[in-house]
Amino acid sequence: RTNFWLIAILLLISCHPSGGPLNYLRP
């Protein structure tokens, strides 16, 4: 039930150095 596009955007942010703490959640 999780939104695909929301997770895709979060993944993209987590791959960029400016994503900060989200980088730890990239996996």
PDB file of all heavy atoms in Angstrom:
ATOM      1  N   ARG A   1       0.806  -1.224   0.000  1.00  0.00           N
ATOM      2  CA  ARG A   1       0.000   0.000   0.000  1.00  0.00           C
ATOM      3  C   ARG A   1       0.839   1.274   0.000  1.00  0.00           C
ATOM      4  O   ARG A   1       0.295   2.369  -0.049  1.00  0.00           O
ATOM      5  CB  ARG A   1      -0.919   0.008   1.225  1.00  0.00           C
ATOM      6  CG  ARG A   1      -1.933  -1.143   1.241  1.00  0.00           C
ATOM      7  CD  ARG A   1      -2.980  -0.926   2.308  1.00  0.00           C
ATOM      8  NE  ARG A   1      -2.400  -0.879   3.644  1.00  0.00           N
ATOM      9  CZ  ARG A   1      -2.233  -1.927   4.431  1.00  0.00           C
ATOM     10  NH1 ARG A   1      -2.587  -3.136   3.999  1.00  0.00           N
ATOM     11  NH2 ARG A   1      -1.704  -1.803   5.635  1.00  0.00           N
ATOM     12  N   THR A   2       2.157   1.140   0.060  1.00  0.00           N
ATOM     13  CA  THR A   2       3.027   2.314   0.114  1.00  0.00           C
ATOM     14  C   THR A   2       3.137   2.964  -1.260  1.00  0.00           C
ATOM     15  O   THR A   2       3.190   2.272  -2.283  1.00  0.00           O
ATOM     16  CB  THR A   2       4.435   1.920   0.612  1.00  0.00           C
ATOM     17  OG1 THR A   2       4.319   1.302   1.905  1.00  0.00           O
ATOM     18  CG2 THR A   2       5.327   3.145   0.730  1.00  0.00           C
ATOM     19  N   ASN A   3       3.156   4.289  -1.285  1.00  0.00           N
ATOM     20  CA  ASN A   3       3.204   5.031  -2.537  1.00  0.00           C
ATOM     21  C   ASN A   3       4.573   4.888  -3.213  1.00  0.00           C
ATOM     22  O   ASN A   3       5.602   5.270  -2.630  1.00  0.00           O
ATOM     23  CB  ASN A   3       2.894   6.512  -2.288  1.00  0.00           C
ATOM     24  CG  ASN A   3       2.780   7.300  -3.574  1.00  0.00           C
ATOM     25  OD1 ASN A   3       3.775   7.667  -4.178  1.00  0.00           O
ATOM     26  ND2 ASN A   3       1.552   7.559  -3.994  1.00  0.00           N
ATOM     27  N   PHE A   4       4.578   4.364  -4.417  1.00  0.00           N
ATOM     28  CA  PHE A   4       5.806   4.128  -5.170  1.00  0.00           C
ATOM     29  C   PHE A   4       6.570   5.425  -5.407  1.00  0.00           C
ATOM     30  O   PHE A   4       7.790   5.492  -5.214  1.00  0.00           O
ATOM     31  CB  PHE A   4       5.460   3.464  -6.509  1.00  0.00           C
ATOM     32  CG  PHE A   4       6.632   3.297  -7.442  1.00  0.00           C
ATOM     33  CD1 PHE A   4       7.404   2.157  -7.412  1.00  0.00           C
ATOM     34  CD2 PHE A   4       6.944   4.292  -8.373  1.00  0.00           C
ATOM     35  CE1 PHE A   4       8.485   1.996  -8.277  1.00  0.00           C
ATOM     36  CE2 PHE A   4       8.018   4.143  -9.246  1.00  0.00           C
ATOM     37  CZ  PHE A   4       8.785   2.994  -9.195  1.00  0.00           C
ATOM     38  N   TRP A   5       5.874   6.472  -5.836  1.00  0.00           N
ATOM     39  CA  TRP A   5       6.533   7.715  -6.221  1.00  0.00           C
ATOM     40  C   TRP A   5       7.128   8.440  -5.028  1.00  0.00           C
ATOM     41  O   TRP A   5       8.171   9.071  -5.142  1.00  0.00           O
ATOM     42  CB  TRP A   5       5.549   8.605  -6.981  1.00  0.00           C
ATOM     43  CG  TRP A   5       5.050   7.939  -8.217  1.00  0.00           C
ATOM     44  CD1 TRP A   5       3.798   7.466  -8.454  1.00  0.00           C
ATOM     45  CD2 TRP A   5       5.819   7.615  -9.390  1.00  0.00           C
ATOM     46  NE1 TRP A   5       3.726   6.867  -9.688  1.00  0.00           N
ATOM     47  CE2 TRP A   5       4.945   6.950 -10.282  1.00  0.00           C
ATOM     48  CE3 TRP A   5       7.147   7.820  -9.766  1.00  0.00           C
ATOM     49  CZ2 TRP A   5       5.374   6.494 -11.534  1.00  0.00           C
ATOM     50  CZ3 TRP A   5       7.566   7.361 -11.001  1.00  0.00           C
ATOM     51  CH2 TRP A   5       6.693   6.710 -11.873  1.00  0.00           C
ATOM     52  N   LEU A   6       6.482   8.335  -3.874  1.00  0.00           N
ATOM     53  CA  LEU A   6       7.035   8.933  -2.656  1.00  0.00           C
ATOM     54  C   LEU A   6       8.366   8.282  -2.310  1.00  0.00           C
ATOM     55  O   LEU A   6       9.362   8.971  -2.019  1.00  0.00           O
ATOM     56  CB  LEU A   6       6.053   8.776  -1.493  1.00  0.00           C
ATOM     57  CG  LEU A   6       6.591   9.193  -0.109  1.00  0.00           C
ATOM     58  CD1 LEU A   6       6.935  10.675  -0.095  1.00  0.00           C
ATOM     59  CD2 LEU A   6       5.573   8.853   0.975  1.00  0.00           C
ATOM     60  N   ILE A   7       8.409   6.949  -2.364  1.00  0.00           N
ATOM     61  CA  ILE A   7       9.653   6.234  -2.044  1.00  0.00           C
ATOM     62  C   ILE A   7      10.714   6.515  -3.103  1.00  0.00           C
ATOM     63  O   ILE A   7      11.907   6.653  -2.772  1.00  0.00           O
ATOM     64  CB  ILE A   7       9.387   4.721  -1.928  1.00  0.00           C
ATOM     65  CG1 ILE A   7       8.365   4.443  -0.811  1.00  0.00           C
ATOM     66  CG2 ILE A   7      10.685   3.976  -1.635  1.00  0.00           C
ATOM     67  CD1 ILE A   7       8.786   4.963   0.548  1.00  0.00           C
ATOM     68  N   ALA A   8      10.311   6.632  -4.362  1.00  0.00           N
ATOM     69  CA  ALA A   8      11.269   6.940  -5.428  1.00  0.00           C
ATOM     70  C   ALA A   8      11.918   8.302  -5.187  1.00  0.00           C
ATOM     71  O   ALA A   8      13.136   8.461  -5.349  1.00  0.00           O
ATOM     72  CB  ALA A   8      10.567   6.916  -6.784  1.00  0.00           C
ATOM     73  N   ILE A   9      11.124   9.283  -4.780  1.00  0.00           N
ATOM     74  CA  ILE A   9      11.662  10.623  -4.500  1.00  0.00           C
ATOM     75  C   ILE A   9      12.600  10.581  -3.304  1.00  0.00           C
ATOM     76  O   ILE A   9      13.687  11.174  -3.320  1.00  0.00           O
ATOM     77  CB  ILE A   9      10.508  11.621  -4.260  1.00  0.00           C
ATOM     78  CG1 ILE A   9       9.748  11.868  -5.566  1.00  0.00           C
ATOM     79  CG2 ILE A   9      11.040  12.946  -3.704  1.00  0.00           C
ATOM     80  CD1 ILE A   9       8.475  12.659  -5.391  1.00  0.00           C
ATOM     81  N   LEU A  10      12.213   9.851  -2.258  1.00  0.00           N
ATOM     82  CA  LEU A  10      13.064   9.739  -1.070  1.00  0.00           C
ATOM     83  C   LEU A  10      14.378   9.028  -1.406  1.00  0.00           C
ATOM     84  O   LEU A  10      15.445   9.402  -0.894  1.00  0.00           O
ATOM     85  CB  LEU A  10      12.325   8.988   0.038  1.00  0.00           C
ATOM     86  CG  LEU A  10      11.167   9.748   0.701  1.00  0.00           C
ATOM     87  CD1 LEU A  10      10.412   8.832   1.654  1.00  0.00           C
ATOM     88  CD2 LEU A  10      11.687  10.972   1.445  1.00  0.00           C
ATOM     89  N   LEU A  11      14.308   8.028  -2.273  1.00  0.00           N
ATOM     90  CA  LEU A  11      15.530   7.333  -2.691  1.00  0.00           C
ATOM     91  C   LEU A  11      16.457   8.281  -3.448  1.00  0.00           C
ATOM     92  O   LEU A  11      17.673   8.308  -3.203  1.00  0.00           O
ATOM     93  CB  LEU A  11      15.176   6.125  -3.563  1.00  0.00           C
ATOM     94  CG  LEU A  11      16.370   5.367  -4.178  1.00  0.00           C
ATOM     95  CD1 LEU A  11      17.301   4.837  -3.094  1.00  0.00           C
ATOM     96  CD2 LEU A  11      15.882   4.226  -5.072  1.00  0.00           C
ATOM     97  N   LEU A  12      15.894   9.062  -4.345  1.00  0.00           N
ATOM     98  CA  LEU A  12      16.709  10.012  -5.107  1.00  0.00           C
ATOM     99  C   LEU A  12      17.385  11.017  -4.177  1.00  0.00           C
ATOM    100  O   LEU A  12      18.567  11.325  -4.325  1.00  0.00           O
ATOM    101  CB  LEU A  12      15.839  10.744  -6.132  1.00  0.00           C
ATOM    102  CG  LEU A  12      15.342   9.900  -7.312  1.00  0.00           C
ATOM    103  CD1 LEU A  12      14.380  10.714  -8.173  1.00  0.00           C
ATOM    104  CD2 LEU A  12      16.499   9.385  -8.150  1.00  0.00           C
ATOM    105  N   ILE A  13      16.636  11.527  -3.202  1.00  0.00           N
ATOM    106  CA  ILE A  13      17.212  12.482  -2.244  1.00  0.00           C
ATOM    107  C   ILE A  13      18.313  11.820  -1.428  1.00  0.00           C
ATOM    108  O   ILE A  13      19.374  12.411  -1.182  1.00  0.00           O
ATOM    109  CB  ILE A  13      16.115  13.042  -1.316  1.00  0.00           C
ATOM    110  CG1 ILE A  13      15.110  13.872  -2.121  1.00  0.00           C
ATOM    111  CG2 ILE A  13      16.724  13.895  -0.202  1.00  0.00           C
ATOM    112  CD1 ILE A  13      13.899  14.310  -1.316  1.00  0.00           C
ATOM    113  N   SER A  14      18.083  10.564  -1.029  1.00  0.00           N
ATOM    114  CA  SER A  14      19.059   9.862  -0.186  1.00  0.00           C
ATOM    115  C   SER A  14      20.345   9.527  -0.926  1.00  0.00           C
ATOM    116  O   SER A  14      21.347   9.181  -0.304  1.00  0.00           O
ATOM    117  CB  SER A  14      18.439   8.576   0.367  1.00  0.00           C
ATOM    118  OG  SER A  14      18.283   7.596  -0.648  1.00  0.00           O
ATOM    119  N   CYS A  15      20.324   9.612  -2.266  1.00  0.00           N
ATOM    120  CA  CYS A  15      21.518   9.332  -3.055  1.00  0.00           C
ATOM    121  C   CYS A  15      22.369  10.579  -3.268  1.00  0.00           C
ATOM    122  O   CYS A  15      23.493  10.477  -3.786  1.00  0.00           O
ATOM    123  CB  CYS A  15      21.126   8.746  -4.413  1.00  0.00           C
ATOM    124  SG  CYS A  15      20.445   7.082  -4.322  1.00  0.00           S
ATOM    125  N   HIS A  16      21.860  11.739  -2.902  1.00  0.00           N
ATOM    126  CA  HIS A  16      22.599  12.983  -3.112  1.00  0.00           C
ATOM    127  C   HIS A  16      23.239  13.426  -1.797  1.00  0.00           C
ATOM    128  O   HIS A  16      22.628  13.297  -0.728  1.00  0.00           O
ATOM    129  CB  HIS A  16      21.674  14.086  -3.634  1.00  0.00           C
ATOM    130  CG  HIS A  16      22.406  15.224  -4.254  1.00  0.00           C
ATOM    131  ND1 HIS A  16      22.976  16.233  -3.507  1.00  0.00           N
ATOM    132  CD2 HIS A  16      22.682  15.503  -5.546  1.00  0.00           C
ATOM    133  CE1 HIS A  16      23.566  17.093  -4.312  1.00  0.00           C
ATOM    134  NE2 HIS A  16      23.411  16.678  -5.561  1.00  0.00           N
ATOM    135  N   PRO A  17      24.480  13.922  -1.836  1.00  0.00           N
ATOM    136  CA  PRO A  17      25.141  14.358  -0.600  1.00  0.00           C
ATOM    137  C   PRO A  17      24.329  15.365   0.203  1.00  0.00           C
ATOM    138  O   PRO A  17      24.415  15.382   1.431  1.00  0.00           O
ATOM    139  CB  PRO A  17      26.443  14.992  -1.104  1.00  0.00           C
ATOM    140  CG  PRO A  17      26.719  14.296  -2.400  1.00  0.00           C
ATOM    141  CD  PRO A  17      25.370  14.037  -3.012  1.00  0.00           C
ATOM    142  N   SER A  18      23.532  16.176  -0.467  1.00  0.00           N
ATOM    143  CA  SER A  18      22.724  17.162   0.254  1.00  0.00           C
ATOM    144  C   SER A  18      21.536  16.525   0.960  1.00  0.00           C
ATOM    145  O   SER A  18      20.804  17.202   1.684  1.00  0.00           O
ATOM    146  CB  SER A  18      22.229  18.250  -0.702  1.00  0.00           C
ATOM    147  OG  SER A  18      21.379  17.693  -1.700  1.00  0.00           O
ATOM    148  N   GLY A  19      21.335  15.205   0.747  1.00  0.00           N
ATOM    149  CA  GLY A  19      20.244  14.504   1.420  1.00  0.00           C
ATOM    150  C   GLY A  19      20.470  14.335   2.904  1.00  0.00           C
ATOM    151  O   GLY A  19      19.543  13.961   3.640  1.00  0.00           O
ATOM    152  N   GLY A  20      21.676  14.578   3.375  1.00  0.00           N
ATOM    153  CA  GLY A  20      21.971  14.536   4.811  1.00  0.00           C
ATOM    154  C   GLY A  20      21.660  13.184   5.427  1.00  0.00           C
ATOM    155  O   GLY A  20      22.035  12.133   4.889  1.00  0.00           O
ATOM    156  N   PRO A  21      20.951  13.187   6.561  1.00  0.00           N
ATOM    157  CA  PRO A  21      20.674  11.929   7.274  1.00  0.00           C
ATOM    158  C   PRO A  21      19.919  10.895   6.448  1.00  0.00           C
ATOM    159  O   PRO A  21      19.991   9.700   6.741  1.00  0.00           O
ATOM    160  CB  PRO A  21      19.823  12.394   8.471  1.00  0.00           C
ATOM    161  CG  PRO A  21      20.221  13.818   8.683  1.00  0.00           C
ATOM    162  CD  PRO A  21      20.484  14.363   7.315  1.00  0.00           C
ATOM    163  N   LEU A  22      19.192  11.333   5.412  1.00  0.00           N
ATOM    164  CA  LEU A  22      18.476  10.370   4.577  1.00  0.00           C
ATOM    165  C   LEU A  22      19.436   9.412   3.877  1.00  0.00           C
ATOM    166  O   LEU A  22      19.031   8.331   3.452  1.00  0.00           O
ATOM    167  CB  LEU A  22      17.616  11.093   3.540  1.00  0.00           C
ATOM    168  CG  LEU A  22      16.331  11.762   4.049  1.00  0.00           C
ATOM    169  CD1 LEU A  22      15.595  12.435   2.902  1.00  0.00           C
ATOM    170  CD2 LEU A  22      15.425  10.747   4.741  1.00  0.00           C
ATOM    171  N   ASN A  23      20.708   9.800   3.763  1.00  0.00           N
ATOM    172  CA  ASN A  23      21.701   8.911   3.154  1.00  0.00           C
ATOM    173  C   ASN A  23      21.819   7.588   3.909  1.00  0.00           C
ATOM    174  O   ASN A  23      22.125   6.553   3.305  1.00  0.00           O
ATOM    175  CB  ASN A  23      23.068   9.598   3.103  1.00  0.00           C
ATOM    176  CG  ASN A  23      23.212  10.552   1.927  1.00  0.00           C
ATOM    177  OD1 ASN A  23      23.739  10.190   0.888  1.00  0.00           O
ATOM    178  ND2 ASN A  23      22.733  11.766   2.101  1.00  0.00           N
ATOM    179  N   TYR A  24      21.597   7.628   5.206  1.00  0.00           N
ATOM    180  CA  TYR A  24      21.687   6.390   5.984  1.00  0.00           C
ATOM    181  C   TYR A  24      20.520   5.446   5.684  1.00  0.00           C
ATOM    182  O   TYR A  24      20.612   4.239   5.933  1.00  0.00           O
ATOM    183  CB  TYR A  24      21.709   6.713   7.482  1.00  0.00           C
ATOM    184  CG  TYR A  24      22.913   7.522   7.901  1.00  0.00           C
ATOM    185  CD1 TYR A  24      22.765   8.814   8.402  1.00  0.00           C
ATOM    186  CD2 TYR A  24      24.201   7.013   7.773  1.00  0.00           C
ATOM    187  CE1 TYR A  24      23.861   9.562   8.783  1.00  0.00           C
ATOM    188  CE2 TYR A  24      25.306   7.755   8.144  1.00  0.00           C
ATOM    189  CZ  TYR A  24      25.137   9.038   8.645  1.00  0.00           C
ATOM    190  OH  TYR A  24      26.233   9.785   9.009  1.00  0.00           O
ATOM    191  N   LEU A  25      19.429   6.001   5.161  1.00  0.00           N
ATOM    192  CA  LEU A  25      18.236   5.197   4.873  1.00  0.00           C
ATOM    193  C   LEU A  25      18.160   4.762   3.419  1.00  0.00           C
ATOM    194  O   LEU A  25      17.194   4.108   3.017  1.00  0.00           O
ATOM    195  CB  LEU A  25      16.978   5.992   5.234  1.00  0.00           C
ATOM    196  CG  LEU A  25      16.847   6.389   6.708  1.00  0.00           C
ATOM    197  CD1 LEU A  25      15.591   7.237   6.922  1.00  0.00           C
ATOM    198  CD2 LEU A  25      16.824   5.160   7.608  1.00  0.00           C
ATOM    199  N   ARG A  26      19.173   5.113   2.622  1.00  0.00           N
ATOM    200  CA  ARG A  26      19.178   4.765   1.204  1.00  0.00           C
ATOM    201  C   ARG A  26      18.942   3.268   0.961  1.00  0.00           C
ATOM    202  O   ARG A  26      18.139   2.912   0.081  1.00  0.00           O
ATOM    203  CB  ARG A  26      20.501   5.198   0.568  1.00  0.00           C
ATOM    204  CG  ARG A  26      20.604   4.921  -0.916  1.00  0.00           C
ATOM    205  CD  ARG A  26      21.884   5.496  -1.508  1.00  0.00           C
ATOM    206  NE  ARG A  26      23.082   4.925  -0.880  1.00  0.00           N
ATOM    207  CZ  ARG A  26      23.884   5.578  -0.048  1.00  0.00           C
ATOM    208  NH1 ARG A  26      23.641   6.824   0.289  1.00  0.00           N
ATOM    209  NH2 ARG A  26      24.950   4.980   0.473  1.00  0.00           N
ATOM    210  N   PRO A  27      19.578   2.365   1.699  1.00  0.00           N
ATOM    211  CA  PRO A  27      19.336   0.936   1.450  1.00  0.00           C
ATOM    212  C   PRO A  27      17.876   0.548   1.635  1.00  0.00           C
ATOM    213  O   PRO A  27      17.359  -0.294   0.894  1.00  0.00           O
ATOM    214  CB  PRO A  27      20.231   0.249   2.485  1.00  0.00           C
ATOM    215  CG  PRO A  27      21.287   1.248   2.810  1.00  0.00           C
ATOM    216  CD  PRO A  27      20.604   2.571   2.744  1.00  0.00           C
TER     217      PRO A  27
END
